[in-house]
PDB file of N, CA and C in Angstrom:
ATOM      1  N   MET A   1       0.817  -1.191   0.000  1.00  0.00           N
ATOM      2  CA  MET A   1       0.000   0.000   0.000  1.00  0.00           C
ATOM      3  C   MET A   1       0.864   1.260   0.000  1.00  0.00           C
ATOM      4  N   LYS A   2       1.901   1.256   0.839  1.00  0.00           N
ATOM      5  CA  LYS A   2       2.782   2.414   0.918  1.00  0.00           C
ATOM      6  C   LYS A   2       3.541   2.615  -0.389  1.00  0.00           C
ATOM      7  N   LYS A   3       3.967   1.506  -1.002  1.00  0.00           N
ATOM      8  CA  LYS A   3       4.677   1.599  -2.274  1.00  0.00           C
ATOM      9  C   LYS A   3       3.773   2.155  -3.366  1.00  0.00           C
ATOM     10  N   MET A   4       2.516   1.735  -3.351  1.00  0.00           N
ATOM     11  CA  MET A   4       1.568   2.220  -4.335  1.00  0.00           C
ATOM     12  C   MET A   4       1.331   3.718  -4.179  1.00  0.00           C
ATOM     13  N   LEU A   5       1.209   4.198  -2.949  1.00  0.00           N
ATOM     14  CA  LEU A   5       1.017   5.623  -2.708  1.00  0.00           C
ATOM     15  C   LEU A   5       2.244   6.437  -3.110  1.00  0.00           C
ATOM     16  N   LEU A   6       3.423   5.906  -2.835  1.00  0.00           N
ATOM     17  CA  LEU A   6       4.649   6.601  -3.237  1.00  0.00           C
ATOM     18  C   LEU A   6       4.771   6.664  -4.757  1.00  0.00           C
ATOM     19  N   ASP A   7       4.382   5.588  -5.434  1.00  0.00           N
ATOM     20  CA  ASP A   7       4.395   5.578  -6.891  1.00  0.00           C
ATOM     21  C   ASP A   7       3.401   6.586  -7.447  1.00  0.00           C
ATOM     22  N   LEU A   8       2.211   6.635  -6.865  1.00  0.00           N
ATOM     23  CA  LEU A   8       1.210   7.601  -7.300  1.00  0.00           C
ATOM     24  C   LEU A   8       1.694   9.034  -7.077  1.00  0.00           C
ATOM     25  N   LEU A   9       2.308   9.286  -5.950  1.00  0.00           N
ATOM     26  CA  LEU A   9       2.826  10.614  -5.651  1.00  0.00           C
ATOM     27  C   LEU A   9       3.935  11.009  -6.615  1.00  0.00           C
ATOM     28  N   SER A  10       4.794  10.092  -6.964  1.00  0.00           N
ATOM     29  CA  SER A  10       5.868  10.413  -7.912  1.00  0.00           C
ATOM     30  C   SER A  10       5.312  10.672  -9.301  1.00  0.00           C
ATOM     31  N   ARG A  11       4.280   9.917  -9.702  1.00  0.00           N
ATOM     32  CA  ARG A  11       3.667  10.180 -11.011  1.00  0.00           C
ATOM     33  C   ARG A  11       2.946  11.516 -11.035  1.00  0.00           C
ATOM     34  N   LEU A  12       2.256  11.860  -9.943  1.00  0.00           N
ATOM     35  CA  LEU A  12       1.592  13.160  -9.869  1.00  0.00           C
ATOM     36  C   LEU A  12       2.595  14.298  -9.909  1.00  0.00           C
ATOM     37  N   LYS A  13       3.714  14.118  -9.240  1.00  0.00           N
ATOM     38  CA  LYS A  13       4.762  15.140  -9.244  1.00  0.00           C
ATOM     39  C   LYS A  13       5.320  15.318 -10.653  1.00  0.00           C
ATOM     40  N   TRP A  14       5.525  14.219 -11.363  1.00  0.00           N
ATOM     41  CA  TRP A  14       6.037  14.306 -12.724  1.00  0.00           C
ATOM     42  C   TRP A  14       5.024  14.979 -13.655  1.00  0.00           C
ATOM     43  N   GLN A  15       3.732  14.633 -13.496  1.00  0.00           N
ATOM     44  CA  GLN A  15       2.705  15.257 -14.325  1.00  0.00           C
ATOM     45  C   GLN A  15       2.588  16.752 -14.026  1.00  0.00           C
ATOM     46  N   PHE A  16       2.707  17.126 -12.758  1.00  0.00           N
ATOM     47  CA  PHE A  16       2.654  18.547 -12.406  1.00  0.00           C
ATOM     48  C   PHE A  16       3.842  19.285 -13.005  1.00  0.00           C
ATOM     49  N   SER A  17       4.988  18.641 -13.083  1.00  0.00           N
ATOM     50  CA  SER A  17       6.146  19.297 -13.682  1.00  0.00           C
ATOM     51  C   SER A  17       5.915  19.549 -15.173  1.00  0.00           C
ATOM     52  N   ARG A  18       5.061  18.768 -15.797  1.00  0.00           N
ATOM     53  CA  ARG A  18       4.720  18.990 -17.211  1.00  0.00           C
ATOM     54  C   ARG A  18       3.660  20.080 -17.373  1.00  0.00           C
ATOM     55  N   LEU A  19       2.801  20.265 -16.363  1.00  0.00           N
ATOM     56  CA  LEU A  19       1.659  21.176 -16.502  1.00  0.00           C
ATOM     57  C   LEU A  19       1.783  22.463 -15.700  1.00  0.00           C
ATOM     58  N   TRP A  20       2.881  22.689 -15.003  1.00  0.00           N
ATOM     59  CA  TRP A  20       2.949  23.819 -14.081  1.00  0.00           C
ATOM     60  C   TRP A  20       2.774  25.148 -14.802  1.00  0.00           C
ATOM     61  N   PHE A  21       3.341  25.295 -15.994  1.00  0.00           N
ATOM     62  CA  PHE A  21       3.238  26.567 -16.704  1.00  0.00           C
ATOM     63  C   PHE A  21       1.802  26.833 -17.144  1.00  0.00           C
ATOM     64  N   ASP A  22       1.128  25.817 -17.653  1.00  0.00           N
ATOM     65  CA  ASP A  22      -0.255  25.980 -18.088  1.00  0.00           C
ATOM     66  C   ASP A  22      -1.178  26.270 -16.911  1.00  0.00           C
ATOM     67  N   ILE A  23      -0.945  25.624 -15.780  1.00  0.00           N
ATOM     68  CA  ILE A  23      -1.754  25.894 -14.584  1.00  0.00           C
ATOM     69  C   ILE A  23      -1.495  27.306 -14.079  1.00  0.00           C
ATOM     70  N   LEU A  24      -0.244  27.760 -14.155  1.00  0.00           N
ATOM     71  CA  LEU A  24       0.087  29.122 -13.742  1.00  0.00           C
ATOM     72  C   LEU A  24      -0.612  30.152 -14.628  1.00  0.00           C
ATOM     73  N   ILE A  25      -0.612  29.927 -15.930  1.00  0.00           N
ATOM     74  CA  ILE A  25      -1.311  30.828 -16.846  1.00  0.00           C
ATOM     75  C   ILE A  25      -2.808  30.794 -16.576  1.00  0.00           C
ATOM     76  N   LEU A  26      -3.351  29.617 -16.347  1.00  0.00           N
ATOM     77  CA  LEU A  26      -4.771  29.476 -16.048  1.00  0.00           C
ATOM     78  C   LEU A  26      -5.162  30.284 -14.815  1.00  0.00           C
ATOM     79  N   LEU A  27      -4.397  30.161 -13.752  1.00  0.00           N
ATOM     80  CA  LEU A  27      -4.693  30.911 -12.527  1.00  0.00           C
ATOM     81  C   LEU A  27      -4.478  32.409 -12.713  1.00  0.00           C
ATOM     82  N   GLY A  28      -3.445  32.790 -13.454  1.00  0.00           N
ATOM     83  CA  GLY A  28      -3.187  34.206 -13.703  1.00  0.00           C
ATOM     84  C   GLY A  28      -4.295  34.871 -14.499  1.00  0.00           C
ATOM     85  N   ILE A  29      -4.768  34.201 -15.519  1.00  0.00           N
ATOM     86  CA  ILE A  29      -5.852  34.774 -16.327  1.00  0.00           C
ATOM     87  C   ILE A  29      -7.149  34.810 -15.534  1.00  0.00           C
ATOM     88  N   PHE A  30      -7.389  33.784 -14.748  1.00  0.00           N
ATOM     89  CA  PHE A  30      -8.573  33.786 -13.895  1.00  0.00           C
ATOM     90  C   PHE A  30      -8.517  34.958 -12.921  1.00  0.00           C
ATOM     91  N   TRP A  31      -7.331  35.215 -12.353  1.00  0.00           N
ATOM     92  CA  TRP A  31      -7.165  36.345 -11.441  1.00  0.00           C
ATOM     93  C   TRP A  31      -7.377  37.657 -12.185  1.00  0.00           C
ATOM     94  N   LEU A  32      -6.851  37.769 -13.405  1.00  0.00           N
ATOM     95  CA  LEU A  32      -7.033  38.992 -14.199  1.00  0.00           C
ATOM     96  C   LEU A  32      -8.504  39.248 -14.500  1.00  0.00           C
ATOM     97  N   LEU A  33      -9.240  38.195 -14.833  1.00  0.00           N
ATOM     98  CA  LEU A  33     -10.656  38.378 -15.132  1.00  0.00           C
ATOM     99  C   LEU A  33     -11.446  38.819 -13.903  1.00  0.00           C
ATOM    100  N   LEU A  34     -11.050  38.337 -12.722  1.00  0.00           N
ATOM    101  CA  LEU A  34     -11.783  38.696 -11.511  1.00  0.00           C
ATOM    102  C   LEU A  34     -11.364  40.031 -10.922  1.00  0.00           C
ATOM    103  N   TYR A  35     -10.054  40.325 -10.930  1.00  0.00           N
ATOM    104  CA  TYR A  35      -9.561  41.497 -10.214  1.00  0.00           C
ATOM    105  C   TYR A  35      -8.787  42.473 -11.081  1.00  0.00           C
ATOM    106  N   GLY A  36      -8.757  42.257 -12.378  1.00  0.00           N
ATOM    107  CA  GLY A  36      -7.991  43.121 -13.267  1.00  0.00           C
ATOM    108  C   GLY A  36      -8.627  44.496 -13.425  1.00  0.00           C
ATOM    109  N   PRO A  37      -7.960  45.381 -14.161  1.00  0.00           N
ATOM    110  CA  PRO A  37      -8.468  46.751 -14.311  1.00  0.00           C
ATOM    111  C   PRO A  37      -9.776  46.849 -15.088  1.00  0.00           C
ATOM    112  N   PHE A  38     -10.107  45.832 -15.872  1.00  0.00           N
ATOM    113  CA  PHE A  38     -11.348  45.873 -16.644  1.00  0.00           C
ATOM    114  C   PHE A  38     -12.367  44.876 -16.126  1.00  0.00           C
ATOM    115  N   ALA A  39     -12.243  44.446 -14.886  1.00  0.00           N
ATOM    116  CA  ALA A  39     -13.168  43.455 -14.329  1.00  0.00           C
ATOM    117  C   ALA A  39     -14.553  44.054 -14.092  1.00  0.00           C
ATOM    118  N   GLU A  40     -14.620  45.339 -13.752  1.00  0.00           N
ATOM    119  CA  GLU A  40     -15.906  45.965 -13.457  1.00  0.00           C
ATOM    120  C   GLU A  40     -16.663  46.375 -14.712  1.00  0.00           C
ATOM    121  N   VAL A  41     -15.964  46.489 -15.826  1.00  0.00           N
ATOM    122  CA  VAL A  41     -16.575  47.006 -17.046  1.00  0.00           C
ATOM    123  C   VAL A  41     -17.539  46.013 -17.662  1.00  0.00           C
ATOM    124  N   GLY A  42     -17.229  44.753 -17.575  1.00  0.00           N
ATOM    125  CA  GLY A  42     -18.097  43.733 -18.150  1.00  0.00           C
ATOM    126  C   GLY A  42     -17.477  43.074 -19.356  1.00  0.00           C
ATOM    127  N   PRO A  43     -18.175  42.128 -19.928  1.00  0.00           N
ATOM    128  CA  PRO A  43     -17.601  41.342 -21.027  1.00  0.00           C
ATOM    129  C   PRO A  43     -17.735  41.996 -22.394  1.00  0.00           C
ATOM    130  N   THR A  44     -17.807  43.320 -22.464  1.00  0.00           N
ATOM    131  CA  THR A  44     -17.996  43.971 -23.748  1.00  0.00           C
ATOM    132  C   THR A  44     -16.696  44.305 -24.446  1.00  0.00           C
ATOM    133  N   TYR A  45     -15.611  44.336 -23.756  1.00  0.00           N
ATOM    134  CA  TYR A  45     -14.343  44.699 -24.367  1.00  0.00           C
ATOM    135  C   TYR A  45     -13.652  43.503 -24.988  1.00  0.00           C
ATOM    136  N   LEU A  46     -12.873  43.766 -26.006  1.00  0.00           N
ATOM    137  CA  LEU A  46     -12.166  42.710 -26.720  1.00  0.00           C
ATOM    138  C   LEU A  46     -11.165  41.998 -25.818  1.00  0.00           C
ATOM    139  N   SER A  47     -10.558  42.724 -24.904  1.00  0.00           N
ATOM    140  CA  SER A  47      -9.575  42.098 -24.013  1.00  0.00           C
ATOM    141  C   SER A  47     -10.230  41.036 -23.130  1.00  0.00           C
ATOM    142  N   ASN A  48     -11.454  41.274 -22.696  1.00  0.00           N
ATOM    143  CA  ASN A  48     -12.154  40.255 -21.906  1.00  0.00           C
ATOM    144  C   ASN A  48     -12.459  39.017 -22.737  1.00  0.00           C
ATOM    145  N   VAL A  49     -12.813  39.218 -23.980  1.00  0.00           N
ATOM    146  CA  VAL A  49     -13.109  38.083 -24.852  1.00  0.00           C
ATOM    147  C   VAL A  49     -11.844  37.262 -25.090  1.00  0.00           C
ATOM    148  N   ILE A  50     -10.737  37.956 -25.364  1.00  0.00           N
ATOM    149  CA  ILE A  50      -9.480  37.251 -25.603  1.00  0.00           C
ATOM    150  C   ILE A  50      -9.037  36.510 -24.344  1.00  0.00           C
ATOM    151  N   LEU A  51      -9.110  37.173 -23.204  1.00  0.00           N
ATOM    152  CA  LEU A  51      -8.728  36.512 -21.957  1.00  0.00           C
ATOM    153  C   LEU A  51      -9.633  35.327 -21.653  1.00  0.00           C
ATOM    154  N   ALA A  52     -10.909  35.451 -21.924  1.00  0.00           N
ATOM    155  CA  ALA A  52     -11.828  34.340 -21.688  1.00  0.00           C
ATOM    156  C   ALA A  52     -11.494  33.159 -22.590  1.00  0.00           C
ATOM    157  N   LYS A  53     -11.167  33.433 -23.854  1.00  0.00           N
ATOM    158  CA  LYS A  53     -10.816  32.347 -24.775  1.00  0.00           C
ATOM    159  C   LYS A  53      -9.507  31.673 -24.367  1.00  0.00           C
ATOM    160  N   VAL A  54      -8.525  32.472 -23.937  1.00  0.00           N
ATOM    161  CA  VAL A  54      -7.261  31.879 -23.492  1.00  0.00           C
ATOM    162  C   VAL A  54      -7.470  31.068 -22.219  1.00  0.00           C
ATOM    163  N   LEU A  55      -8.337  31.565 -21.340  1.00  0.00           N
ATOM    164  CA  LEU A  55      -8.663  30.820 -20.127  1.00  0.00           C
ATOM    165  C   LEU A  55      -9.307  29.484 -20.470  1.00  0.00           C
ATOM    166  N   LEU A  56     -10.245  29.491 -21.404  1.00  0.00           N
ATOM    167  CA  LEU A  56     -10.903  28.255 -21.815  1.00  0.00           C
ATOM    168  C   LEU A  56      -9.931  27.314 -22.522  1.00  0.00           C
ATOM    169  N   LEU A  57      -9.040  27.867 -23.338  1.00  0.00           N
ATOM    170  CA  LEU A  57      -8.052  27.037 -24.016  1.00  0.00           C
ATOM    171  C   LEU A  57      -7.112  26.383 -23.011  1.00  0.00           C
ATOM    172  N   SER A  58      -6.658  27.148 -22.045  1.00  0.00           N
ATOM    173  CA  SER A  58      -5.763  26.607 -21.025  1.00  0.00           C
ATOM    174  C   SER A  58      -6.465  25.535 -20.192  1.00  0.00           C
ATOM    175  N   ALA A  59      -7.707  25.774 -19.833  1.00  0.00           N
ATOM    176  CA  ALA A  59      -8.475  24.773 -19.082  1.00  0.00           C
ATOM    177  C   ALA A  59      -8.701  23.516 -19.928  1.00  0.00           C
ATOM    178  N   ALA A  60      -8.934  23.695 -21.228  1.00  0.00           N
ATOM    179  CA  ALA A  60      -9.161  22.544 -22.104  1.00  0.00           C
ATOM    180  C   ALA A  60      -7.911  21.684 -22.229  1.00  0.00           C
ATOM    181  N   VAL A  61      -6.751  22.316 -22.374  1.00  0.00           N
ATOM    182  CA  VAL A  61      -5.508  21.550 -22.494  1.00  0.00           C
ATOM    183  C   VAL A  61      -5.230  20.797 -21.201  1.00  0.00           C
ATOM    184  N   THR A  62      -5.445  21.469 -20.064  1.00  0.00           N
ATOM    185  CA  THR A  62      -5.220  20.803 -18.773  1.00  0.00           C
ATOM    186  C   THR A  62      -6.185  19.632 -18.592  1.00  0.00           C
ATOM    187  N   HIS A  63      -7.458  19.838 -18.905  1.00  0.00           N
ATOM    188  CA  HIS A  63      -8.461  18.779 -18.780  1.00  0.00           C
ATOM    189  C   HIS A  63      -8.163  17.627 -19.731  1.00  0.00           C
ATOM    190  N   ALA A  64      -7.790  17.944 -20.967  1.00  0.00           N
ATOM    191  CA  ALA A  64      -7.482  16.899 -21.941  1.00  0.00           C
ATOM    192  C   ALA A  64      -6.260  16.089 -21.513  1.00  0.00           C
ATOM    193  N   HIS A  65      -5.268  16.771 -20.952  1.00  0.00           N
ATOM    194  CA  HIS A  65      -4.071  16.046 -20.515  1.00  0.00           C
ATOM    195  C   HIS A  65      -4.386  15.105 -19.357  1.00  0.00           C
ATOM    196  N   ILE A  66      -5.154  15.586 -18.396  1.00  0.00           N
ATOM    197  CA  ILE A  66      -5.521  14.737 -17.259  1.00  0.00           C
ATOM    198  C   ILE A  66      -6.359  13.554 -17.724  1.00  0.00           C
ATOM    199  N   THR A  67      -7.310  13.804 -18.611  1.00  0.00           N
ATOM    200  CA  THR A  67      -8.145  12.722 -19.138  1.00  0.00           C
ATOM    201  C   THR A  67      -7.318  11.721 -19.924  1.00  0.00           C
ATOM    202  N   ARG A  68      -6.387  12.195 -20.719  1.00  0.00           N
ATOM    203  CA  ARG A  68      -5.536  11.301 -21.495  1.00  0.00           C
ATOM    204  C   ARG A  68      -4.683  10.426 -20.589  1.00  0.00           C
ATOM    205  N   GLU A  69      -4.138  11.009 -19.534  1.00  0.00           N
ATOM    206  CA  GLU A  69      -3.300  10.228 -18.630  1.00  0.00           C
ATOM    207  C   GLU A  69      -4.123   9.203 -17.842  1.00  0.00           C
ATOM    208  N   LEU A  70      -5.377   9.500 -17.582  1.00  0.00           N
ATOM    209  CA  LEU A  70      -6.221   8.547 -16.863  1.00  0.00           C
ATOM    210  C   LEU A  70      -6.748   7.433 -17.777  1.00  0.00           C
ATOM    211  N   LEU A  71      -7.128   7.799 -18.999  1.00  0.00           N
ATOM    212  CA  LEU A  71      -7.731   6.806 -19.894  1.00  0.00           C
ATOM    213  C   LEU A  71      -6.718   6.028 -20.723  1.00  0.00           C
ATOM    214  N   PHE A  72      -5.670   6.697 -21.171  1.00  0.00           N
ATOM    215  CA  PHE A  72      -4.706   6.061 -22.071  1.00  0.00           C
ATOM    216  C   PHE A  72      -3.273   6.233 -21.579  1.00  0.00           C
ATOM    217  N   PRO A  73      -2.946   5.738 -20.401  1.00  0.00           N
ATOM    218  CA  PRO A  73      -1.572   5.932 -19.913  1.00  0.00           C
ATOM    219  C   PRO A  73      -0.550   5.093 -20.683  1.00  0.00           C
ATOM    220  N   TYR A  74      -1.015   4.114 -21.418  1.00  0.00           N
ATOM    221  CA  TYR A  74      -0.108   3.210 -22.114  1.00  0.00           C
ATOM    222  C   TYR A  74       0.351   3.757 -23.457  1.00  0.00           C
ATOM    223  N   ILE A  75      -0.244   4.832 -23.944  1.00  0.00           N
ATOM    224  CA  ILE A  75       0.151   5.396 -25.237  1.00  0.00           C
ATOM    225  C   ILE A  75       1.242   6.431 -25.007  1.00  0.00           C
ATOM    226  N   LYS A  76       2.414   6.146 -25.524  1.00  0.00           N
ATOM    227  CA  LYS A  76       3.557   7.051 -25.433  1.00  0.00           C
ATOM    228  C   LYS A  76       3.961   7.445 -26.851  1.00  0.00           C
ATOM    229  N   PHE A  77       3.993   8.745 -27.119  1.00  0.00           N
ATOM    230  CA  PHE A  77       4.319   9.194 -28.474  1.00  0.00           C
ATOM    231  C   PHE A  77       5.749   8.832 -28.870  1.00  0.00           C
ATOM    232  N   SER A  78       6.658   8.871 -27.940  1.00  0.00           N
ATOM    233  CA  SER A  78       8.055   8.587 -28.278  1.00  0.00           C
ATOM    234  C   SER A  78       8.294   7.098 -28.521  1.00  0.00           C
ATOM    235  N   GLU A  79       7.472   6.240 -27.951  1.00  0.00           N
ATOM    236  CA  GLU A  79       7.692   4.798 -28.074  1.00  0.00           C
ATOM    237  C   GLU A  79       6.721   4.128 -29.039  1.00  0.00           C
ATOM    238  N   ASP A  80       5.490   4.626 -29.103  1.00  0.00           N
ATOM    239  CA  ASP A  80       4.459   3.961 -29.890  1.00  0.00           C
ATOM    240  C   ASP A  80       4.579   4.357 -31.361  1.00  0.00           C
ATOM    241  N   GLN A  81       4.694   3.366 -32.220  1.00  0.00           N
ATOM    242  CA  GLN A  81       4.804   3.622 -33.655  1.00  0.00           C
ATOM    243  C   GLN A  81       3.465   3.497 -34.368  1.00  0.00           C
ATOM    244  N   SER A  82       2.419   3.140 -33.640  1.00  0.00           N
ATOM    245  CA  SER A  82       1.106   2.967 -34.252  1.00  0.00           C
ATOM    246  C   SER A  82       0.454   4.333 -34.450  1.00  0.00           C
ATOM    247  N   TRP A  83       0.175   4.687 -35.674  1.00  0.00           N
ATOM    248  CA  TRP A  83      -0.394   6.001 -35.951  1.00  0.00           C
ATOM    249  C   TRP A  83      -1.829   6.110 -35.458  1.00  0.00           C
ATOM    250  N   SER A  84      -2.538   4.984 -35.341  1.00  0.00           N
ATOM    251  CA  SER A  84      -3.937   5.046 -34.904  1.00  0.00           C
ATOM    252  C   SER A  84      -4.045   5.455 -33.431  1.00  0.00           C
ATOM    253  N   ASN A  85      -3.143   4.970 -32.584  1.00  0.00           N
ATOM    254  CA  ASN A  85      -3.162   5.382 -31.182  1.00  0.00           C
ATOM    255  C   ASN A  85      -2.804   6.856 -31.035  1.00  0.00           C
ATOM    256  N   ASN A  86      -1.790   7.287 -31.773  1.00  0.00           N
ATOM    257  CA  ASN A  86      -1.399   8.697 -31.717  1.00  0.00           C
ATOM    258  C   ASN A  86      -2.513   9.594 -32.242  1.00  0.00           C
ATOM    259  N   LEU A  87      -3.183   9.164 -33.290  1.00  0.00           N
ATOM    260  CA  LEU A  87      -4.289   9.936 -33.840  1.00  0.00           C
ATOM    261  C   LEU A  87      -5.454  10.018 -32.859  1.00  0.00           C
ATOM    262  N   MET A  88      -5.684   8.949 -32.116  1.00  0.00           N
ATOM    263  CA  MET A  88      -6.751   8.949 -31.114  1.00  0.00           C
ATOM    264  C   MET A  88      -6.459   9.982 -30.016  1.00  0.00           C
ATOM    265  N   VAL A  89      -5.218  10.078 -29.572  1.00  0.00           N
ATOM    266  CA  VAL A  89      -4.854  11.046 -28.542  1.00  0.00           C
ATOM    267  C   VAL A  89      -4.955  12.466 -29.085  1.00  0.00           C
ATOM    268  N   ILE A  90      -4.512  12.685 -30.312  1.00  0.00           N
ATOM    269  CA  ILE A  90      -4.623  14.015 -30.923  1.00  0.00           C
ATOM    270  C   ILE A  90      -6.085  14.402 -31.060  1.00  0.00           C
ATOM    271  N   ALA A  91      -6.944  13.475 -31.471  1.00  0.00           N
ATOM    272  CA  ALA A  91      -8.377  13.755 -31.589  1.00  0.00           C
ATOM    273  C   ALA A  91      -8.991  14.089 -30.234  1.00  0.00           C
ATOM    274  N   LEU A  92      -8.515  13.451 -29.174  1.00  0.00           N
ATOM    275  CA  LEU A  92      -9.005  13.753 -27.828  1.00  0.00           C
ATOM    276  C   LEU A  92      -8.677  15.194 -27.455  1.00  0.00           C
ATOM    277  N   TYR A  93      -7.446  15.615 -27.714  1.00  0.00           N
ATOM    278  CA  TYR A  93      -7.056  16.992 -27.416  1.00  0.00           C
ATOM    279  C   TYR A  93      -7.863  17.989 -28.254  1.00  0.00           C
ATOM    280  N   VAL A  94      -8.007  17.712 -29.534  1.00  0.00           N
ATOM    281  CA  VAL A  94      -8.768  18.614 -30.410  1.00  0.00           C
ATOM    282  C   VAL A  94     -10.224  18.697 -29.965  1.00  0.00           C
ATOM    283  N   MET A  95     -10.790  17.573 -29.576  1.00  0.00           N
ATOM    284  CA  MET A  95     -12.188  17.552 -29.129  1.00  0.00           C
ATOM    285  C   MET A  95     -12.374  18.410 -27.875  1.00  0.00           C
ATOM    286  N   PHE A  96     -11.474  18.278 -26.909  1.00  0.00           N
ATOM    287  CA  PHE A  96     -11.581  19.077 -25.693  1.00  0.00           C
ATOM    288  C   PHE A  96     -11.397  20.561 -25.987  1.00  0.00           C
ATOM    289  N   ILE A  97     -10.397  20.895 -26.793  1.00  0.00           N
ATOM    290  CA  ILE A  97     -10.145  22.301 -27.102  1.00  0.00           C
ATOM    291  C   ILE A  97     -11.318  22.895 -27.866  1.00  0.00           C
ATOM    292  N   PHE A  98     -11.839  22.181 -28.836  1.00  0.00           N
ATOM    293  CA  PHE A  98     -12.987  22.687 -29.597  1.00  0.00           C
ATOM    294  C   PHE A  98     -14.206  22.849 -28.702  1.00  0.00           C
ATOM    295  N   GLY A  99     -14.460  21.870 -27.843  1.00  0.00           N
ATOM    296  CA  GLY A  99     -15.618  21.947 -26.957  1.00  0.00           C
ATOM    297  C   GLY A  99     -15.528  23.089 -25.963  1.00  0.00           C
ATOM    298  N   TYR A 100     -14.373  23.275 -25.384  1.00  0.00           N
ATOM    299  CA  TYR A 100     -14.225  24.369 -24.413  1.00  0.00           C
ATOM    300  C   TYR A 100     -14.293  25.736 -25.075  1.00  0.00           C
ATOM    301  N   THR A 101     -13.589  25.916 -26.194  1.00  0.00           N
ATOM    302  CA  THR A 101     -13.532  27.252 -26.808  1.00  0.00           C
ATOM    303  C   THR A 101     -14.833  27.631 -27.496  1.00  0.00           C
ATOM    304  N   ARG A 102     -15.642  26.657 -27.860  1.00  0.00           N
ATOM    305  CA  ARG A 102     -16.957  26.972 -28.434  1.00  0.00           C
ATOM    306  C   ARG A 102     -18.021  27.168 -27.363  1.00  0.00           C
ATOM    307  N   GLY A 103     -17.625  26.998 -26.115  1.00  0.00           N
ATOM    308  CA  GLY A 103     -18.545  27.253 -25.031  1.00  0.00           C
ATOM    309  C   GLY A 103     -19.401  26.059 -24.675  1.00  0.00           C
ATOM    310  N   GLY A 104     -19.048  24.888 -25.128  1.00  0.00           N
ATOM    311  CA  GLY A 104     -19.872  23.710 -24.870  1.00  0.00           C
ATOM    312  C   GLY A 104     -19.336  22.890 -23.775  1.00  0.00           C
TER     313      GLY A 104
END
């Protein structure tokens, strides 16, 4: 049990090292939307629209990565030569990004 928890913790640490920049951008944009200089004005300005889209894109990439690691941990791009598995993972990322940025 202890070995399993240590293995899980090491994998989570490695995954966080891959996603730390995207999570930082996600939190920064969320903070800008809530407390930035144009937070009181409303969603009518172009900067709010751009920030909202970047926020959704960042959330989509993070969600797609977590889902991919949970559902398909055995697919490694550097090791797997099967184009169908790689295409399935790319389609998963595209589906999440399209769904989030279209507001769905």
